[in-house]
Amino acid sequence: MLFSTGGALVIIALCLLGGSRAARWLKPLTVIGSDALRAFIFHIVVIFLIFRLLLGAWQVYSYPQVLGIGLALILLTAGWIALVRWYREWSR
């Protein structure tokens, strides 16, 4: 919990100090934050259904690998949310 809270505070500090320039670099995080329910569902599906059940990846990866997977998951989640938004706009 402290790790997540600390990360959130660092992101807030970067946004406050960096202004619009930091907002462009942190776009994947702002997309995820704007649609938290969809992001939550996506990461639960990826972690529990894909990694654990389909790939059998329970306690298989090292800590640096998990950090890399976590970063990739953030980017994939932002991409998924953007794709769903684009599809909703396109289908209207």
PDB file of N, CA and C in Angstrom:
ATOM      1  N   MET A   1       0.823  -1.178   0.000  1.00  0.00           N
ATOM      2  CA  MET A   1       0.000   0.000   0.000  1.00  0.00           C
ATOM      3  C   MET A   1       0.869   1.244   0.000  1.00  0.00           C
ATOM      4  N   LEU A   2       1.954   1.221   0.766  1.00  0.00           N
ATOM      5  CA  LEU A   2       2.851   2.375   0.778  1.00  0.00           C
ATOM      6  C   LEU A   2       3.523   2.576  -0.577  1.00  0.00           C
ATOM      7  N   PHE A   3       3.859   1.482  -1.263  1.00  0.00           N
ATOM      8  CA  PHE A   3       4.468   1.582  -2.585  1.00  0.00           C
ATOM      9  C   PHE A   3       3.513   2.266  -3.562  1.00  0.00           C
ATOM     10  N   SER A   4       2.251   1.877  -3.555  1.00  0.00           N
ATOM     11  CA  SER A   4       1.263   2.471  -4.450  1.00  0.00           C
ATOM     12  C   SER A   4       1.006   3.936  -4.104  1.00  0.00           C
ATOM     13  N   THR A   5       0.886   4.223  -2.825  1.00  0.00           N
ATOM     14  CA  THR A   5       0.661   5.603  -2.401  1.00  0.00           C
ATOM     15  C   THR A   5       1.864   6.478  -2.738  1.00  0.00           C
ATOM     16  N   GLY A   6       3.067   5.959  -2.500  1.00  0.00           N
ATOM     17  CA  GLY A   6       4.275   6.702  -2.843  1.00  0.00           C
ATOM     18  C   GLY A   6       4.369   6.977  -4.328  1.00  0.00           C
ATOM     19  N   GLY A   7       4.036   5.974  -5.142  1.00  0.00           N
ATOM     20  CA  GLY A   7       4.038   6.169  -6.592  1.00  0.00           C
ATOM     21  C   GLY A   7       3.023   7.209  -7.020  1.00  0.00           C
ATOM     22  N   ALA A   8       1.845   7.182  -6.418  1.00  0.00           N
ATOM     23  CA  ALA A   8       0.818   8.172  -6.745  1.00  0.00           C
ATOM     24  C   ALA A   8       1.269   9.579  -6.356  1.00  0.00           C
ATOM     25  N   LEU A   9       1.923   9.704  -5.214  1.00  0.00           N
ATOM     26  CA  LEU A   9       2.411  11.018  -4.797  1.00  0.00           C
ATOM     27  C   LEU A   9       3.517  11.528  -5.722  1.00  0.00           C
ATOM     28  N   VAL A  10       4.358  10.641  -6.198  1.00  0.00           N
ATOM     29  CA  VAL A  10       5.405  11.046  -7.154  1.00  0.00           C
ATOM     30  C   VAL A  10       4.770  11.514  -8.456  1.00  0.00           C
ATOM     31  N   ILE A  11       3.759  10.813  -8.922  1.00  0.00           N
ATOM     32  CA  ILE A  11       3.072  11.213 -10.159  1.00  0.00           C
ATOM     33  C   ILE A  11       2.396  12.564  -9.986  1.00  0.00           C
ATOM     34  N   ILE A  12       1.753  12.785  -8.854  1.00  0.00           N
ATOM     35  CA  ILE A  12       1.115  14.079  -8.586  1.00  0.00           C
ATOM     36  C   ILE A  12       2.153  15.186  -8.547  1.00  0.00           C
ATOM     37  N   ALA A  13       3.282  14.927  -7.899  1.00  0.00           N
ATOM     38  CA  ALA A  13       4.341  15.931  -7.831  1.00  0.00           C
ATOM     39  C   ALA A  13       4.885  16.253  -9.223  1.00  0.00           C
ATOM     40  N   LEU A  14       5.076  15.232 -10.046  1.00  0.00           N
ATOM     41  CA  LEU A  14       5.550  15.467 -11.415  1.00  0.00           C
ATOM     42  C   LEU A  14       4.556  16.293 -12.216  1.00  0.00           C
ATOM     43  N   CYS A  15       3.276  16.009 -12.045  1.00  0.00           N
ATOM     44  CA  CYS A  15       2.255  16.776 -12.758  1.00  0.00           C
ATOM     45  C   CYS A  15       2.232  18.230 -12.302  1.00  0.00           C
ATOM     46  N   LEU A  16       2.361  18.439 -11.006  1.00  0.00           N
ATOM     47  CA  LEU A  16       2.331  19.807 -10.496  1.00  0.00           C
ATOM     48  C   LEU A  16       3.573  20.594 -10.898  1.00  0.00           C
ATOM     49  N   LEU A  17       4.721  19.950 -10.874  1.00  0.00           N
ATOM     50  CA  LEU A  17       5.960  20.636 -11.213  1.00  0.00           C
ATOM     51  C   LEU A  17       6.164  20.778 -12.721  1.00  0.00           C
ATOM     52  N   GLY A  18       5.700  19.802 -13.480  1.00  0.00           N
ATOM     53  CA  GLY A  18       5.970  19.789 -14.909  1.00  0.00           C
ATOM     54  C   GLY A  18       4.940  20.473 -15.775  1.00  0.00           C
ATOM     55  N   GLY A  19       3.756  20.681 -15.269  1.00  0.00           N
ATOM     56  CA  GLY A  19       2.715  21.340 -16.030  1.00  0.00           C
ATOM     57  C   GLY A  19       2.281  20.539 -17.247  1.00  0.00           C
ATOM     58  N   SER A  20       2.041  21.241 -18.351  1.00  0.00           N
ATOM     59  CA  SER A  20       1.531  20.584 -19.557  1.00  0.00           C
ATOM     60  C   SER A  20       2.561  19.663 -20.192  1.00  0.00           C
ATOM     61  N   ARG A  21       3.828  19.975 -20.014  1.00  0.00           N
ATOM     62  CA  ARG A  21       4.873  19.110 -20.570  1.00  0.00           C
ATOM     63  C   ARG A  21       4.860  17.735 -19.891  1.00  0.00           C
ATOM     64  N   ALA A  22       4.731  17.731 -18.589  1.00  0.00           N
ATOM     65  CA  ALA A  22       4.660  16.462 -17.857  1.00  0.00           C
ATOM     66  C   ALA A  22       3.372  15.720 -18.181  1.00  0.00           C
ATOM     67  N   ALA A  23       2.300  16.461 -18.434  1.00  0.00           N
ATOM     68  CA  ALA A  23       1.021  15.826 -18.756  1.00  0.00           C
ATOM     69  C   ALA A  23       1.118  15.032 -20.053  1.00  0.00           C
ATOM     70  N   ARG A  24       1.885  15.523 -21.016  1.00  0.00           N
ATOM     71  CA  ARG A  24       2.061  14.770 -22.266  1.00  0.00           C
ATOM     72  C   ARG A  24       2.817  13.476 -22.020  1.00  0.00           C
ATOM     73  N   TRP A  25       3.837  13.520 -21.170  1.00  0.00           N
ATOM     74  CA  TRP A  25       4.625  12.316 -20.885  1.00  0.00           C
ATOM     75  C   TRP A  25       3.859  11.326 -20.030  1.00  0.00           C
ATOM     76  N   LEU A  26       2.970  11.826 -19.210  1.00  0.00           N
ATOM     77  CA  LEU A  26       2.201  10.959 -18.308  1.00  0.00           C
ATOM     78  C   LEU A  26       0.816  10.639 -18.868  1.00  0.00           C
ATOM     79  N   LYS A  27       0.618  10.803 -20.169  1.00  0.00           N
ATOM     80  CA  LYS A  27      -0.685  10.574 -20.803  1.00  0.00           C
ATOM     81  C   LYS A  27      -1.247   9.181 -20.526  1.00  0.00           C
ATOM     82  N   PRO A  28      -0.448   8.101 -20.601  1.00  0.00           N
ATOM     83  CA  PRO A  28      -1.044   6.785 -20.293  1.00  0.00           C
ATOM     84  C   PRO A  28      -1.640   6.715 -18.892  1.00  0.00           C
ATOM     85  N   LEU A  29      -1.015   7.367 -17.939  1.00  0.00           N
ATOM     86  CA  LEU A  29      -1.541   7.339 -16.570  1.00  0.00           C
ATOM     87  C   LEU A  29      -2.808   8.162 -16.441  1.00  0.00           C
ATOM     88  N   THR A  30      -2.888   9.285 -17.158  1.00  0.00           N
ATOM     89  CA  THR A  30      -4.097  10.093 -17.079  1.00  0.00           C
ATOM     90  C   THR A  30      -5.259   9.403 -17.778  1.00  0.00           C
ATOM     91  N   VAL A  31      -4.983   8.658 -18.845  1.00  0.00           N
ATOM     92  CA  VAL A  31      -6.041   7.896 -19.513  1.00  0.00           C
ATOM     93  C   VAL A  31      -6.569   6.822 -18.581  1.00  0.00           C
ATOM     94  N   ILE A  32      -5.676   6.128 -17.902  1.00  0.00           N
ATOM     95  CA  ILE A  32      -6.089   5.078 -16.969  1.00  0.00           C
ATOM     96  C   ILE A  32      -6.893   5.680 -15.820  1.00  0.00           C
ATOM     97  N   GLY A  33      -6.455   6.803 -15.303  1.00  0.00           N
ATOM     98  CA  GLY A  33      -7.156   7.441 -14.192  1.00  0.00           C
ATOM     99  C   GLY A  33      -8.527   7.959 -14.572  1.00  0.00           C
ATOM    100  N   SER A  34      -8.715   8.288 -15.842  1.00  0.00           N
ATOM    101  CA  SER A  34     -10.006   8.817 -16.264  1.00  0.00           C
ATOM    102  C   SER A  34     -11.054   7.712 -16.437  1.00  0.00           C
ATOM    103  N   ASP A  35     -10.626   6.485 -16.530  1.00  0.00           N
ATOM    104  CA  ASP A  35     -11.559   5.370 -16.677  1.00  0.00           C
ATOM    105  C   ASP A  35     -11.077   4.204 -15.799  1.00  0.00           C
ATOM    106  N   ALA A  36     -11.156   4.407 -14.508  1.00  0.00           N
ATOM    107  CA  ALA A  36     -10.562   3.477 -13.549  1.00  0.00           C
ATOM    108  C   ALA A  36     -11.233   2.104 -13.548  1.00  0.00           C
ATOM    109  N   LEU A  37     -12.541   2.048 -13.742  1.00  0.00           N
ATOM    110  CA  LEU A  37     -13.222   0.756 -13.718  1.00  0.00           C
ATOM    111  C   LEU A  37     -12.763  -0.127 -14.875  1.00  0.00           C
ATOM    112  N   ARG A  38     -12.690   0.438 -16.080  1.00  0.00           N
ATOM    113  CA  ARG A  38     -12.235  -0.344 -17.225  1.00  0.00           C
ATOM    114  C   ARG A  38     -10.787  -0.787 -17.039  1.00  0.00           C
ATOM    115  N   ALA A  39      -9.955   0.079 -16.476  1.00  0.00           N
ATOM    116  CA  ALA A  39      -8.557  -0.281 -16.212  1.00  0.00           C
ATOM    117  C   ALA A  39      -8.475  -1.415 -15.191  1.00  0.00           C
ATOM    118  N   PHE A  40      -9.289  -1.350 -14.167  1.00  0.00           N
ATOM    119  CA  PHE A  40      -9.293  -2.398 -13.143  1.00  0.00           C
ATOM    120  C   PHE A  40      -9.700  -3.739 -13.743  1.00  0.00           C
ATOM    121  N   ILE A  41     -10.759  -3.745 -14.525  1.00  0.00           N
ATOM    122  CA  ILE A  41     -11.226  -4.984 -15.139  1.00  0.00           C
ATOM    123  C   ILE A  41     -10.163  -5.541 -16.078  1.00  0.00           C
ATOM    124  N   PHE A  42      -9.529  -4.675 -16.869  1.00  0.00           N
ATOM    125  CA  PHE A  42      -8.506  -5.120 -17.811  1.00  0.00           C
ATOM    126  C   PHE A  42      -7.331  -5.762 -17.079  1.00  0.00           C
ATOM    127  N   HIS A  43      -6.851  -5.132 -16.020  1.00  0.00           N
ATOM    128  CA  HIS A  43      -5.679  -5.699 -15.343  1.00  0.00           C
ATOM    129  C   HIS A  43      -6.021  -6.985 -14.589  1.00  0.00           C
ATOM    130  N   ILE A  44      -7.234  -7.108 -14.080  1.00  0.00           N
ATOM    131  CA  ILE A  44      -7.644  -8.357 -13.438  1.00  0.00           C
ATOM    132  C   ILE A  44      -7.683  -9.489 -14.465  1.00  0.00           C
ATOM    133  N   VAL A  45      -8.230  -9.203 -15.632  1.00  0.00           N
ATOM    134  CA  VAL A  45      -8.288 -10.222 -16.689  1.00  0.00           C
ATOM    135  C   VAL A  45      -6.886 -10.637 -17.109  1.00  0.00           C
ATOM    136  N   VAL A  46      -6.002  -9.668 -17.322  1.00  0.00           N
ATOM    137  CA  VAL A  46      -4.649  -9.998 -17.774  1.00  0.00           C
ATOM    138  C   VAL A  46      -3.884 -10.770 -16.701  1.00  0.00           C
ATOM    139  N   ILE A  47      -3.900 -10.285 -15.477  1.00  0.00           N
ATOM    140  CA  ILE A  47      -3.107 -10.919 -14.424  1.00  0.00           C
ATOM    141  C   ILE A  47      -3.646 -12.297 -14.057  1.00  0.00           C
ATOM    142  N   PHE A  48      -4.928 -12.365 -13.745  1.00  0.00           N
ATOM    143  CA  PHE A  48      -5.456 -13.616 -13.221  1.00  0.00           C
ATOM    144  C   PHE A  48      -5.823 -14.629 -14.306  1.00  0.00           C
ATOM    145  N   LEU A  49      -6.467 -14.201 -15.360  1.00  0.00           N
ATOM    146  CA  LEU A  49      -6.885 -15.161 -16.373  1.00  0.00           C
ATOM    147  C   LEU A  49      -5.756 -15.523 -17.330  1.00  0.00           C
ATOM    148  N   ILE A  50      -5.054 -14.513 -17.835  1.00  0.00           N
ATOM    149  CA  ILE A  50      -4.032 -14.802 -18.841  1.00  0.00           C
ATOM    150  C   ILE A  50      -2.747 -15.308 -18.206  1.00  0.00           C
ATOM    151  N   PHE A  51      -2.167 -14.516 -17.303  1.00  0.00           N
ATOM    152  CA  PHE A  51      -0.882 -14.918 -16.726  1.00  0.00           C
ATOM    153  C   PHE A  51      -0.998 -16.167 -15.852  1.00  0.00           C
ATOM    154  N   ARG A  52      -1.916 -16.154 -14.907  1.00  0.00           N
ATOM    155  CA  ARG A  52      -1.979 -17.269 -13.949  1.00  0.00           C
ATOM    156  C   ARG A  52      -2.602 -18.529 -14.519  1.00  0.00           C
ATOM    157  N   LEU A  53      -3.770 -18.409 -15.133  1.00  0.00           N
ATOM    158  CA  LEU A  53      -4.474 -19.610 -15.581  1.00  0.00           C
ATOM    159  C   LEU A  53      -3.966 -20.131 -16.922  1.00  0.00           C
ATOM    160  N   LEU A  54      -3.869 -19.252 -17.918  1.00  0.00           N
ATOM    161  CA  LEU A  54      -3.499 -19.725 -19.247  1.00  0.00           C
ATOM    162  C   LEU A  54      -2.000 -19.982 -19.392  1.00  0.00           C
ATOM    163  N   LEU A  55      -1.173 -19.108 -18.827  1.00  0.00           N
ATOM    164  CA  LEU A  55       0.273 -19.258 -18.976  1.00  0.00           C
ATOM    165  C   LEU A  55       0.934 -19.974 -17.803  1.00  0.00           C
ATOM    166  N   GLY A  56       0.213 -20.179 -16.722  1.00  0.00           N
ATOM    167  CA  GLY A  56       0.768 -20.857 -15.555  1.00  0.00           C
ATOM    168  C   GLY A  56       1.916 -20.092 -14.914  1.00  0.00           C
ATOM    169  N   ALA A  57       1.821 -18.782 -14.902  1.00  0.00           N
ATOM    170  CA  ALA A  57       2.910 -17.943 -14.412  1.00  0.00           C
ATOM    171  C   ALA A  57       2.678 -17.511 -12.967  1.00  0.00           C
ATOM    172  N   TRP A  58       2.553 -18.455 -12.089  1.00  0.00           N
ATOM    173  CA  TRP A  58       2.372 -18.158 -10.669  1.00  0.00           C
ATOM    174  C   TRP A  58       3.730 -18.223  -9.989  1.00  0.00           C
ATOM    175  N   GLN A  59       4.227 -17.112  -9.496  1.00  0.00           N
ATOM    176  CA  GLN A  59       5.514 -16.971  -8.817  1.00  0.00           C
ATOM    177  C   GLN A  59       6.670 -17.513  -9.658  1.00  0.00           C
ATOM    178  N   VAL A  60       6.675 -17.179 -10.937  1.00  0.00           N
ATOM    179  CA  VAL A  60       7.687 -17.659 -11.860  1.00  0.00           C
ATOM    180  C   VAL A  60       8.707 -16.566 -12.176  1.00  0.00           C
ATOM    181  N   TYR A  61       8.279 -15.316 -12.182  1.00  0.00           N
ATOM    182  CA  TYR A  61       9.116 -14.217 -12.622  1.00  0.00           C
ATOM    183  C   TYR A  61       9.901 -13.598 -11.473  1.00  0.00           C
ATOM    184  N   SER A  62      11.049 -13.031 -11.803  1.00  0.00           N
ATOM    185  CA  SER A  62      11.845 -12.307 -10.806  1.00  0.00           C
ATOM    186  C   SER A  62      11.265 -10.912 -10.615  1.00  0.00           C
ATOM    187  N   TYR A  63      11.752 -10.216  -9.593  1.00  0.00           N
ATOM    188  CA  TYR A  63      11.226  -8.885  -9.298  1.00  0.00           C
ATOM    189  C   TYR A  63      11.448  -7.903 -10.458  1.00  0.00           C
ATOM    190  N   PRO A  64      12.634  -7.836 -11.075  1.00  0.00           N
ATOM    191  CA  PRO A  64      12.793  -6.932 -12.229  1.00  0.00           C
ATOM    192  C   PRO A  64      11.872  -7.289 -13.400  1.00  0.00           C
ATOM    193  N   GLN A  65      11.637  -8.574 -13.609  1.00  0.00           N
ATOM    194  CA  GLN A  65      10.709  -8.965 -14.671  1.00  0.00           C
ATOM    195  C   GLN A  65       9.286  -8.514 -14.355  1.00  0.00           C
ATOM    196  N   VAL A  66       8.897  -8.612 -13.109  1.00  0.00           N
ATOM    197  CA  VAL A  66       7.559  -8.180 -12.707  1.00  0.00           C
ATOM    198  C   VAL A  66       7.416  -6.664 -12.883  1.00  0.00           C
ATOM    199  N   LEU A  67       8.464  -5.910 -12.566  1.00  0.00           N
ATOM    200  CA  LEU A  67       8.393  -4.464 -12.780  1.00  0.00           C
ATOM    201  C   LEU A  67       8.235  -4.135 -14.260  1.00  0.00           C
ATOM    202  N   GLY A  68       8.950  -4.848 -15.109  1.00  0.00           N
ATOM    203  CA  GLY A  68       8.808  -4.641 -16.550  1.00  0.00           C
ATOM    204  C   GLY A  68       7.428  -5.020 -17.052  1.00  0.00           C
ATOM    205  N   ILE A  69       6.915  -6.125 -16.553  1.00  0.00           N
ATOM    206  CA  ILE A  69       5.559  -6.543 -16.923  1.00  0.00           C
ATOM    207  C   ILE A  69       4.542  -5.512 -16.437  1.00  0.00           C
ATOM    208  N   GLY A  70       4.763  -4.974 -15.239  1.00  0.00           N
ATOM    209  CA  GLY A  70       3.862  -3.944 -14.712  1.00  0.00           C
ATOM    210  C   GLY A  70       3.855  -2.698 -15.577  1.00  0.00           C
ATOM    211  N   LEU A  71       5.026  -2.273 -16.025  1.00  0.00           N
ATOM    212  CA  LEU A  71       5.109  -1.107 -16.914  1.00  0.00           C
ATOM    213  C   LEU A  71       4.405  -1.394 -18.239  1.00  0.00           C
ATOM    214  N   ALA A  72       4.637  -2.575 -18.787  1.00  0.00           N
ATOM    215  CA  ALA A  72       3.970  -2.950 -20.033  1.00  0.00           C
ATOM    216  C   ALA A  72       2.455  -3.020 -19.828  1.00  0.00           C
ATOM    217  N   LEU A  73       2.022  -3.495 -18.669  1.00  0.00           N
ATOM    218  CA  LEU A  73       0.595  -3.581 -18.380  1.00  0.00           C
ATOM    219  C   LEU A  73      -0.042  -2.200 -18.301  1.00  0.00           C
ATOM    220  N   ILE A  74       0.675  -1.226 -17.757  1.00  0.00           N
ATOM    221  CA  ILE A  74       0.168   0.149 -17.719  1.00  0.00           C
ATOM    222  C   ILE A  74      -0.041   0.672 -19.132  1.00  0.00           C
ATOM    223  N   LEU A  75       0.942   0.471 -19.993  1.00  0.00           N
ATOM    224  CA  LEU A  75       0.827   0.943 -21.372  1.00  0.00           C
ATOM    225  C   LEU A  75      -0.273   0.191 -22.130  1.00  0.00           C
ATOM    226  N   LEU A  76      -0.374  -1.118 -21.927  1.00  0.00           N
ATOM    227  CA  LEU A  76      -1.435  -1.891 -22.575  1.00  0.00           C
ATOM    228  C   LEU A  76      -2.823  -1.467 -22.089  1.00  0.00           C
ATOM    229  N   THR A  77      -2.941  -1.170 -20.813  1.00  0.00           N
ATOM    230  CA  THR A  77      -4.221  -0.721 -20.270  1.00  0.00           C
ATOM    231  C   THR A  77      -4.626   0.607 -20.881  1.00  0.00           C
ATOM    232  N   ALA A  78      -3.679   1.532 -20.980  1.00  0.00           N
ATOM    233  CA  ALA A  78      -3.975   2.825 -21.602  1.00  0.00           C
ATOM    234  C   ALA A  78      -4.367   2.636 -23.065  1.00  0.00           C
ATOM    235  N   GLY A  79      -3.682   1.751 -23.755  1.00  0.00           N
ATOM    236  CA  GLY A  79      -4.035   1.474 -25.140  1.00  0.00           C
ATOM    237  C   GLY A  79      -5.415   0.859 -25.282  1.00  0.00           C
ATOM    238  N   TRP A  80      -5.755  -0.063 -24.384  1.00  0.00           N
ATOM    239  CA  TRP A  80      -7.060  -0.690 -24.403  1.00  0.00           C
ATOM    240  C   TRP A  80      -8.164   0.333 -24.183  1.00  0.00           C
ATOM    241  N   ILE A  81      -7.992   1.212 -23.214  1.00  0.00           N
ATOM    242  CA  ILE A  81      -8.994   2.236 -22.934  1.00  0.00           C
ATOM    243  C   ILE A  81      -9.139   3.178 -24.118  1.00  0.00           C
ATOM    244  N   ALA A  82      -8.018   3.591 -24.707  1.00  0.00           N
ATOM    245  CA  ALA A  82      -8.074   4.469 -25.881  1.00  0.00           C
ATOM    246  C   ALA A  82      -8.770   3.777 -27.050  1.00  0.00           C
ATOM    247  N   LEU A  83      -8.507   2.485 -27.243  1.00  0.00           N
ATOM    248  CA  LEU A  83      -9.150   1.731 -28.316  1.00  0.00           C
ATOM    249  C   LEU A  83     -10.658   1.634 -28.095  1.00  0.00           C
ATOM    250  N   VAL A  84     -11.073   1.372 -26.879  1.00  0.00           N
ATOM    251  CA  VAL A  84     -12.508   1.280 -26.580  1.00  0.00           C
ATOM    252  C   VAL A  84     -13.167   2.636 -26.779  1.00  0.00           C
ATOM    253  N   ARG A  85     -12.520   3.719 -26.370  1.00  0.00           N
ATOM    254  CA  ARG A  85     -13.084   5.060 -26.588  1.00  0.00           C
ATOM    255  C   ARG A  85     -13.202   5.363 -28.075  1.00  0.00           C
ATOM    256  N   TRP A  86     -12.154   5.029 -28.828  1.00  0.00           N
ATOM    257  CA  TRP A  86     -12.182   5.275 -30.268  1.00  0.00           C
ATOM    258  C   TRP A  86     -13.317   4.489 -30.917  1.00  0.00           C
ATOM    259  N   TYR A  87     -13.478   3.233 -30.521  1.00  0.00           N
ATOM    260  CA  TYR A  87     -14.531   2.406 -31.083  1.00  0.00           C
ATOM    261  C   TYR A  87     -15.908   2.966 -30.758  1.00  0.00           C
ATOM    262  N   ARG A  88     -16.112   3.439 -29.551  1.00  0.00           N
ATOM    263  CA  ARG A  88     -17.400   4.033 -29.182  1.00  0.00           C
ATOM    264  C   ARG A  88     -17.692   5.276 -30.007  1.00  0.00           C
ATOM    265  N   GLU A  89     -16.695   6.112 -30.213  1.00  0.00           N
ATOM    266  CA  GLU A  89     -16.881   7.323 -31.025  1.00  0.00           C
ATOM    267  C   GLU A  89     -17.131   6.952 -32.487  1.00  0.00           C
ATOM    268  N   TRP A  90     -16.415   5.969 -32.984  1.00  0.00           N
ATOM    269  CA  TRP A  90     -16.539   5.568 -34.374  1.00  0.00           C
ATOM    270  C   TRP A  90     -17.882   4.913 -34.660  1.00  0.00           C
ATOM    271  N   SER A  91     -18.420   4.180 -33.699  1.00  0.00           N
ATOM    272  CA  SER A  91     -19.654   3.446 -33.919  1.00  0.00           C
ATOM    273  C   SER A  91     -20.904   4.311 -33.792  1.00  0.00           C
ATOM    274  N   ARG A  92     -20.748   5.543 -33.413  1.00  0.00           N
ATOM    275  CA  ARG A  92     -21.945   6.424 -33.259  1.00  0.00           C
ATOM    276  C   ARG A  92     -22.441   6.899 -34.561  1.00  0.00           C
TER     277      ARG A  92
END
